[in-house]
Amino acid sequence: MTQSLTIRRPDDWHLHLRDGAMLEGVLPETTRHFGRAIIMPNLVPPVVRGDDARAYRDRILRALPEGATFEPLMTLYLTEETDPDDVAAAHASGLVHAVKLYPAGATTNSASGVRDFDRVAPVLEKMAEIGLPLCVHGEVTDGKIDIFDREAVFIDRILDPLRRRTPGLRVVMEHITTANACAYLAESDGDLGATVTTHHLMINRNHILAGGIKPHYYCLPVAKREVHREALVELVTSGNPHAFLGTDSAPHARDAKENACGCAGIFTAPVTLSCLAEVFDQAGKLDMLEDFAAVNGAAFYGKPQADTQVTLVKGDPIEIPEWVETGAGPVRVFDPGMPLHWRVAE
């Protein structure tokens, strides 16, 4: 029996578009279904000043497919040299909608990130004053901490003290992966939000390691045990208004993934809505999908909800394209390892 579901056009509150030929190749996969996206600033060199964000936004707009209606919401990359006044001016102009905190060495292109959190205190205080959110890659980089524990340790060692030192700072825990993060979100006030990715709702660490190493399932934060995936599904289907979609769709060319030290990142943009509908359908919570994908994030960021809609139709399993070809090389599309019965009606 065919079923359909119509929801507001979704937003993506955590997206990597890269630059140049890769940007041109992957951007249409997002604009096909999403109306807005928070754009990550970890280019090489990173987007650290308002002028950098303006130039990057112009490149994105020039790469838009003909007829696309899509708004890139720009961010700045927080460094220990970030100027609070530059941040405030970029926000006041309507250009910058968040600042991104990468602990140095935590993930792709994070070498310019923060090592000494005391040195960024003036920026965080200015952000709290003007209401500009801080998006946090929440992992410690201490080599003595097991990679599967780095998110939980970050919450205790870095995030909670940081929030206590900076009252009023609005924080987004990006791409959470653990029951620990779900519990911390549930106990916190309205100044804390969290994004959850497509892939962390669908895979656990067995997908990466069981039966051989599978580099196209490797991401950071790395997927955890099944109990944590189940906690994420429970969170997003519960109606918690502070949890919202951030795909962390992160394209890498094939040769950057399939080598002895493959890059972290999973490219989910082409299949995200099909994946989400499958997850929410299996949980018996299709009625909560619109809030997660199109309502909660807009509310947290103080943006209007979309005035357009998309319709999802359930039927026979869809064909998932294996690759998206770009001028920077082929990019593998996320395969959830299970049939997807929902597609977006074009």
Foldseek 3Di string as FASTA:
>chain_A
DKDKDKFFQFEAAAEEQAADFSNLQCVVLQLVGHAEYEYDQLYVVGAAFLVSLVVRQVRNVVSDDPPGRHYYAYEHEDALPRDLVRVVVSVVVVRHQAYEADAAPQAPNRPRHDDDVVSCVVNQQSCLVVVRAYEYLQFDPPPVDDLQCGNLCSVVPPVVVVCVVHPNHQYEDEQDAFLSVLVVVVPDDLSYAYAHALQSLQDACCVQPPPHGDQQQFAPSHHHDPVRSVSVLCSQLVLPLRYAHHHQQDWDAPVQRPDPDHHHHHHASNCRVLSLCVSCVVVVRNVSSNSRGFNSVCVSSVHDTHPHMWMKMFDFFDDDDQWRQTPNHTTGYDDSVDTRGIDIDD
